[in-house]
Amino acid sequence: MDRWYGVAGAILGAVGVAMGAFGAHGLRARVEARQLEIWDTAARYQLWHALALVLVGLWLARGAVLSARVAGGAFLAGTLIFSGSLYLLVLTGRTWLGAITPIGGVLLIVGWVALAVALWPARP
C-alpha cells in the first residue's frame, strides 16, 4: 500500500505532462485564451502534486506514518478533483464544474498540512 502513492504520483506525473502537451498543441487553436489558462493551471497543479505524491511514497517507504497516509490520500483525491474538474470544464464548457474545483483545492491544502505533520520531528 505504501508504494501505491509513489506509483500513483508517477502515473499522475506522466499524465500531467501529456495533458500539458495536449493543451499547448492540441487545444491552442480550439479554445479561447482563458480556457487555455485554466487548462495550464490544471496541468501545473497536477504535476506539482504528482511530485508530492512521490515524496509521500518515499516517506512511507521509510516507515508508515498515519499523517503521511492522510497526505497521500488528500493529494490524490485533491488532484483528481481539482485538475479533473478544470480539464472537464475546458473540454465540455460546463461552467458549473468550477464549483467543484475548490473541494479539490481544500484537499490539496489538507495534504500539505498532513505532510508537514508527517515530517515534523517526533518528540522523545
N, C-alpha and C. Protein backbone atom coordinates (compact mmCIF):
# COMPACT_ATOMS: atom_id res chain seq x y z
N MET A 1 0.82 -1.20 0.00
CA MET A 1 0.00 0.00 0.00
C MET A 1 0.86 1.26 0.00
N ASP A 2 1.96 1.24 0.74
CA ASP A 2 2.79 2.43 0.84
C ASP A 2 3.40 2.82 -0.50
N ARG A 3 3.79 1.86 -1.30
CA ARG A 3 4.36 2.15 -2.62
C ARG A 3 3.32 2.71 -3.58
N TRP A 4 2.07 2.42 -3.30
CA TRP A 4 1.00 2.81 -4.19
C TRP A 4 0.98 4.31 -4.41
N TYR A 5 1.24 5.09 -3.36
CA TYR A 5 1.24 6.54 -3.53
C TYR A 5 2.35 6.99 -4.47
N GLY A 6 3.51 6.40 -4.36
CA GLY A 6 4.60 6.73 -5.28
C GLY A 6 4.26 6.38 -6.71
N VAL A 7 3.68 5.21 -6.89
CA VAL A 7 3.27 4.78 -8.24
C VAL A 7 2.19 5.70 -8.78
N ALA A 8 1.21 6.03 -7.94
CA ALA A 8 0.15 6.94 -8.37
C ALA A 8 0.73 8.30 -8.76
N GLY A 9 1.71 8.78 -7.98
CA GLY A 9 2.36 10.05 -8.29
C GLY A 9 3.08 10.00 -9.63
N ALA A 10 3.77 8.90 -9.88
CA ALA A 10 4.48 8.77 -11.14
C ALA A 10 3.51 8.74 -12.32
N ILE A 11 2.40 8.03 -12.16
CA ILE A 11 1.39 7.98 -13.22
C ILE A 11 0.76 9.36 -13.42
N LEU A 12 0.42 10.03 -12.32
CA LEU A 12 -0.13 11.39 -12.45
C LEU A 12 0.87 12.33 -13.11
N GLY A 13 2.16 12.13 -12.84
CA GLY A 13 3.18 12.94 -13.48
C GLY A 13 3.21 12.74 -14.99
N ALA A 14 3.17 11.48 -15.40
CA ALA A 14 3.17 11.17 -16.83
C ALA A 14 1.93 11.74 -17.52
N VAL A 15 0.78 11.55 -16.89
CA VAL A 15 -0.46 12.07 -17.46
C VAL A 15 -0.44 13.60 -17.46
N GLY A 16 0.15 14.21 -16.42
CA GLY A 16 0.24 15.66 -16.36
C GLY A 16 1.06 16.24 -17.50
N VAL A 17 2.16 15.58 -17.82
CA VAL A 17 2.97 16.03 -18.96
C VAL A 17 2.16 15.91 -20.25
N ALA A 18 1.46 14.79 -20.40
CA ALA A 18 0.64 14.59 -21.60
C ALA A 18 -0.47 15.64 -21.69
N MET A 19 -1.09 15.95 -20.54
CA MET A 19 -2.16 16.96 -20.56
C MET A 19 -1.60 18.34 -20.88
N GLY A 20 -0.43 18.65 -20.34
CA GLY A 20 0.20 19.93 -20.67
C GLY A 20 0.52 20.03 -22.15
N ALA A 21 1.04 18.96 -22.70
CA ALA A 21 1.36 18.95 -24.14
C ALA A 21 0.09 19.05 -24.98
N PHE A 22 -0.94 18.34 -24.57
CA PHE A 22 -2.21 18.42 -25.30
C PHE A 22 -2.77 19.84 -25.27
N GLY A 23 -2.67 20.48 -24.11
CA GLY A 23 -3.14 21.85 -24.00
C GLY A 23 -2.35 22.79 -24.89
N ALA A 24 -1.03 22.62 -24.90
CA ALA A 24 -0.17 23.51 -25.67
C ALA A 24 -0.29 23.29 -27.17
N HIS A 25 -0.52 22.05 -27.58
CA HIS A 25 -0.51 21.74 -29.02
C HIS A 25 -1.88 21.38 -29.58
N GLY A 26 -2.68 20.65 -28.81
CA GLY A 26 -3.96 20.19 -29.34
C GLY A 26 -5.12 21.14 -29.12
N LEU A 27 -5.03 21.94 -28.07
CA LEU A 27 -6.15 22.83 -27.75
C LEU A 27 -5.94 24.27 -28.18
N ARG A 28 -4.71 24.65 -28.41
CA ARG A 28 -4.39 26.06 -28.65
C ARG A 28 -5.28 26.68 -29.73
N ALA A 29 -5.54 25.99 -30.79
CA ALA A 29 -6.35 26.55 -31.88
C ALA A 29 -7.85 26.33 -31.68
N ARG A 30 -8.22 25.57 -30.65
CA ARG A 30 -9.62 25.19 -30.49
C ARG A 30 -10.35 25.90 -29.35
N VAL A 31 -9.61 26.45 -28.41
CA VAL A 31 -10.26 27.09 -27.26
C VAL A 31 -9.76 28.52 -27.10
N GLU A 32 -10.49 29.29 -26.33
CA GLU A 32 -10.11 30.68 -26.07
C GLU A 32 -8.90 30.72 -25.13
N ALA A 33 -8.24 31.86 -25.10
CA ALA A 33 -7.04 32.02 -24.28
C ALA A 33 -7.32 31.75 -22.80
N ARG A 34 -8.47 32.20 -22.29
CA ARG A 34 -8.80 31.99 -20.87
C ARG A 34 -8.95 30.51 -20.57
N GLN A 35 -9.56 29.76 -21.49
CA GLN A 35 -9.71 28.32 -21.29
C GLN A 35 -8.35 27.63 -21.29
N LEU A 36 -7.46 28.11 -22.13
CA LEU A 36 -6.11 27.55 -22.18
C LEU A 36 -5.37 27.83 -20.87
N GLU A 37 -5.60 28.99 -20.27
CA GLU A 37 -5.01 29.30 -18.97
C GLU A 37 -5.54 28.35 -17.89
N ILE A 38 -6.81 28.06 -17.95
CA ILE A 38 -7.42 27.13 -16.99
C ILE A 38 -6.81 25.75 -17.16
N TRP A 39 -6.65 25.31 -18.40
CA TRP A 39 -6.04 24.01 -18.68
C TRP A 39 -4.61 23.98 -18.14
N ASP A 40 -3.86 25.04 -18.37
CA ASP A 40 -2.49 25.13 -17.90
C ASP A 40 -2.42 25.05 -16.37
N THR A 41 -3.34 25.71 -15.70
CA THR A 41 -3.40 25.65 -14.24
C THR A 41 -3.64 24.21 -13.79
N ALA A 42 -4.55 23.53 -14.43
CA ALA A 42 -4.84 22.14 -14.07
C ALA A 42 -3.61 21.26 -14.25
N ALA A 43 -2.92 21.40 -15.37
CA ALA A 43 -1.73 20.58 -15.63
C ALA A 43 -0.61 20.91 -14.65
N ARG A 44 -0.42 22.19 -14.37
CA ARG A 44 0.64 22.61 -13.44
C ARG A 44 0.39 22.06 -12.04
N TYR A 45 -0.82 22.19 -11.54
CA TYR A 45 -1.16 21.66 -10.22
C TYR A 45 -1.02 20.14 -10.20
N GLN A 46 -1.43 19.50 -11.28
CA GLN A 46 -1.30 18.05 -11.35
C GLN A 46 0.16 17.63 -11.24
N LEU A 47 1.04 18.31 -11.95
CA LEU A 47 2.46 17.95 -11.92
C LEU A 47 3.08 18.18 -10.55
N TRP A 48 2.79 19.31 -9.92
CA TRP A 48 3.34 19.57 -8.59
C TRP A 48 2.86 18.53 -7.58
N HIS A 49 1.61 18.17 -7.67
CA HIS A 49 1.08 17.23 -6.68
C HIS A 49 1.43 15.79 -7.02
N ALA A 50 1.77 15.53 -8.26
CA ALA A 50 2.34 14.22 -8.60
C ALA A 50 3.69 14.07 -7.90
N LEU A 51 4.50 15.11 -7.92
CA LEU A 51 5.78 15.09 -7.20
C LEU A 51 5.57 14.92 -5.71
N ALA A 52 4.57 15.61 -5.17
CA ALA A 52 4.28 15.48 -3.74
C ALA A 52 3.88 14.04 -3.40
N LEU A 53 3.11 13.40 -4.27
CA LEU A 53 2.73 12.01 -4.03
C LEU A 53 3.93 11.08 -4.06
N VAL A 54 4.85 11.33 -4.97
CA VAL A 54 6.08 10.53 -5.00
C VAL A 54 6.84 10.71 -3.69
N LEU A 55 6.92 11.95 -3.21
CA LEU A 55 7.57 12.22 -1.93
C LEU A 55 6.89 11.46 -0.80
N VAL A 56 5.58 11.46 -0.77
CA VAL A 56 4.83 10.72 0.24
C VAL A 56 5.15 9.23 0.15
N GLY A 57 5.19 8.71 -1.06
CA GLY A 57 5.52 7.29 -1.25
C GLY A 57 6.91 6.97 -0.71
N LEU A 58 7.87 7.84 -0.98
CA LEU A 58 9.23 7.63 -0.47
C LEU A 58 9.26 7.73 1.05
N TRP A 59 8.53 8.69 1.59
CA TRP A 59 8.48 8.86 3.04
C TRP A 59 7.86 7.64 3.70
N LEU A 60 6.78 7.13 3.14
CA LEU A 60 6.12 5.95 3.69
C LEU A 60 7.00 4.71 3.60
N ALA A 61 7.85 4.65 2.59
CA ALA A 61 8.76 3.50 2.46
C ALA A 61 9.75 3.45 3.63
N ARG A 62 9.97 4.59 4.26
CA ARG A 62 10.88 4.65 5.41
C ARG A 62 10.18 4.24 6.70
N GLY A 63 8.89 4.17 6.68
CA GLY A 63 8.12 3.80 7.86
C GLY A 63 6.76 4.47 7.82
N ALA A 64 5.72 3.68 7.99
CA ALA A 64 4.36 4.19 7.86
C ALA A 64 4.03 5.20 8.96
N VAL A 65 3.55 6.34 8.56
CA VAL A 65 3.10 7.38 9.46
C VAL A 65 1.68 7.75 9.01
N LEU A 66 0.75 7.74 9.94
CA LEU A 66 -0.64 8.00 9.59
C LEU A 66 -0.81 9.32 8.85
N SER A 67 -0.15 10.37 9.32
CA SER A 67 -0.32 11.67 8.66
C SER A 67 0.21 11.65 7.23
N ALA A 68 1.23 10.84 6.96
CA ALA A 68 1.73 10.73 5.58
C ALA A 68 0.70 10.01 4.71
N ARG A 69 0.03 9.03 5.28
CA ARG A 69 -1.04 8.35 4.52
C ARG A 69 -2.19 9.32 4.23
N VAL A 70 -2.52 10.14 5.22
CA VAL A 70 -3.57 11.16 5.02
C VAL A 70 -3.13 12.12 3.92
N ALA A 71 -1.87 12.54 3.95
CA ALA A 71 -1.35 13.44 2.92
C ALA A 71 -1.47 12.80 1.54
N GLY A 72 -1.08 11.54 1.43
CA GLY A 72 -1.17 10.86 0.14
C GLY A 72 -2.59 10.78 -0.38
N GLY A 73 -3.51 10.41 0.49
CA GLY A 73 -4.91 10.33 0.07
C GLY A 73 -5.47 11.69 -0.32
N ALA A 74 -5.11 12.70 0.45
CA ALA A 74 -5.60 14.05 0.14
C ALA A 74 -4.99 14.57 -1.15
N PHE A 75 -3.70 14.34 -1.37
CA PHE A 75 -3.06 14.76 -2.62
C PHE A 75 -3.71 14.07 -3.82
N LEU A 76 -3.94 12.77 -3.70
CA LEU A 76 -4.51 12.02 -4.82
C LEU A 76 -5.93 12.49 -5.12
N ALA A 77 -6.78 12.51 -4.09
CA ALA A 77 -8.17 12.93 -4.30
C ALA A 77 -8.23 14.39 -4.73
N GLY A 78 -7.42 15.24 -4.10
CA GLY A 78 -7.42 16.66 -4.44
C GLY A 78 -7.01 16.91 -5.88
N THR A 79 -5.99 16.20 -6.32
CA THR A 79 -5.52 16.37 -7.71
C THR A 79 -6.59 15.92 -8.69
N LEU A 80 -7.19 14.77 -8.42
CA LEU A 80 -8.23 14.27 -9.33
C LEU A 80 -9.41 15.23 -9.40
N ILE A 81 -9.82 15.76 -8.25
CA ILE A 81 -10.97 16.67 -8.23
C ILE A 81 -10.59 18.04 -8.79
N PHE A 82 -9.47 18.61 -8.33
CA PHE A 82 -9.07 19.96 -8.77
C PHE A 82 -8.76 19.97 -10.26
N SER A 83 -7.77 19.20 -10.65
CA SER A 83 -7.36 19.21 -12.06
C SER A 83 -8.43 18.60 -12.95
N GLY A 84 -9.02 17.51 -12.49
CA GLY A 84 -10.05 16.85 -13.29
C GLY A 84 -11.22 17.76 -13.60
N SER A 85 -11.69 18.51 -12.59
CA SER A 85 -12.83 19.40 -12.84
C SER A 85 -12.45 20.53 -13.81
N LEU A 86 -11.21 21.01 -13.72
CA LEU A 86 -10.79 22.06 -14.65
C LEU A 86 -10.64 21.52 -16.07
N TYR A 87 -10.08 20.32 -16.22
CA TYR A 87 -9.98 19.72 -17.55
C TYR A 87 -11.38 19.56 -18.16
N LEU A 88 -12.30 19.03 -17.36
CA LEU A 88 -13.66 18.82 -17.85
C LEU A 88 -14.35 20.14 -18.17
N LEU A 89 -14.12 21.16 -17.35
CA LEU A 89 -14.69 22.48 -17.61
C LEU A 89 -14.28 22.98 -18.99
N VAL A 90 -12.99 22.86 -19.30
CA VAL A 90 -12.50 23.34 -20.60
C VAL A 90 -13.06 22.48 -21.73
N LEU A 91 -13.05 21.17 -21.57
CA LEU A 91 -13.48 20.28 -22.65
C LEU A 91 -14.97 20.33 -22.91
N THR A 92 -15.78 20.51 -21.85
CA THR A 92 -17.23 20.47 -22.01
C THR A 92 -17.89 21.83 -22.04
N GLY A 93 -17.21 22.85 -21.50
CA GLY A 93 -17.82 24.17 -21.41
C GLY A 93 -18.83 24.30 -20.29
N ARG A 94 -18.97 23.28 -19.47
CA ARG A 94 -19.93 23.31 -18.35
C ARG A 94 -19.30 24.05 -17.17
N THR A 95 -19.71 25.29 -17.02
CA THR A 95 -19.09 26.15 -16.02
C THR A 95 -19.40 25.74 -14.59
N TRP A 96 -20.47 24.98 -14.37
CA TRP A 96 -20.81 24.54 -13.01
C TRP A 96 -19.70 23.66 -12.42
N LEU A 97 -18.86 23.09 -13.27
CA LEU A 97 -17.74 22.28 -12.77
C LEU A 97 -16.76 23.11 -11.95
N GLY A 98 -16.75 24.42 -12.21
CA GLY A 98 -15.89 25.31 -11.44
C GLY A 98 -16.26 25.34 -9.96
N ALA A 99 -17.50 24.97 -9.64
CA ALA A 99 -17.93 24.93 -8.24
C ALA A 99 -17.33 23.74 -7.50
N ILE A 100 -16.91 22.73 -8.22
CA ILE A 100 -16.32 21.53 -7.61
C ILE A 100 -14.83 21.74 -7.35
N THR A 101 -14.19 22.55 -8.14
CA THR A 101 -12.75 22.75 -8.08
C THR A 101 -12.24 23.11 -6.69
N PRO A 102 -12.91 24.01 -5.95
CA PRO A 102 -12.40 24.36 -4.61
C PRO A 102 -12.35 23.18 -3.64
N ILE A 103 -13.20 22.19 -3.82
CA ILE A 103 -13.14 21.00 -2.97
C ILE A 103 -11.78 20.32 -3.15
N GLY A 104 -11.35 20.21 -4.40
CA GLY A 104 -10.03 19.66 -4.68
C GLY A 104 -8.93 20.52 -4.09
N GLY A 105 -9.09 21.84 -4.17
CA GLY A 105 -8.10 22.75 -3.62
C GLY A 105 -7.97 22.59 -2.11
N VAL A 106 -9.08 22.44 -1.43
CA VAL A 106 -9.04 22.23 0.03
C VAL A 106 -8.33 20.92 0.35
N LEU A 107 -8.61 19.89 -0.42
CA LEU A 107 -7.92 18.61 -0.19
C LEU A 107 -6.41 18.73 -0.42
N LEU A 108 -6.01 19.52 -1.39
CA LEU A 108 -4.58 19.73 -1.63
C LEU A 108 -3.94 20.44 -0.44
N ILE A 109 -4.64 21.42 0.11
CA ILE A 109 -4.13 22.11 1.30
C ILE A 109 -4.04 21.14 2.47
N VAL A 110 -5.05 20.32 2.66
CA VAL A 110 -5.03 19.30 3.72
C VAL A 110 -3.81 18.39 3.53
N GLY A 111 -3.55 18.02 2.29
CA GLY A 111 -2.39 17.17 2.00
C GLY A 111 -1.09 17.80 2.44
N TRP A 112 -0.92 19.08 2.15
CA TRP A 112 0.33 19.77 2.53
C TRP A 112 0.45 19.88 4.04
N VAL A 113 -0.65 20.17 4.72
CA VAL A 113 -0.61 20.27 6.19
C VAL A 113 -0.30 18.89 6.78
N ALA A 114 -0.94 17.84 6.27
CA ALA A 114 -0.67 16.49 6.77
C ALA A 114 0.78 16.09 6.49
N LEU A 115 1.32 16.48 5.36
CA LEU A 115 2.72 16.19 5.06
C LEU A 115 3.64 16.91 6.04
N ALA A 116 3.31 18.15 6.37
CA ALA A 116 4.11 18.89 7.35
C ALA A 116 4.09 18.18 8.69
N VAL A 117 2.93 17.67 9.09
CA VAL A 117 2.82 16.93 10.35
C VAL A 117 3.66 15.65 10.28
N ALA A 118 3.62 14.97 9.15
CA ALA A 118 4.39 13.73 8.99
C ALA A 118 5.89 13.99 9.06
N LEU A 119 6.32 15.12 8.56
CA LEU A 119 7.75 15.43 8.51
C LEU A 119 8.25 16.10 9.79
N TRP A 120 7.33 16.56 10.64
CA TRP A 120 7.71 17.22 11.88
C TRP A 120 8.43 16.22 12.79
N PRO A 121 9.54 16.63 13.37
CA PRO A 121 10.28 15.70 14.24
C PRO A 121 9.43 15.22 15.41
N ALA A 122 9.49 13.95 15.66
CA ALA A 122 8.74 13.37 16.79
C ALA A 122 9.39 13.79 18.10
N ARG A 123 8.54 13.97 19.11
CA ARG A 123 9.07 14.31 20.45
C ARG A 123 9.57 13.04 21.13
N PRO A 124 10.62 13.18 21.93
CA PRO A 124 11.12 11.99 22.63
C PRO A 124 10.19 11.52 23.72
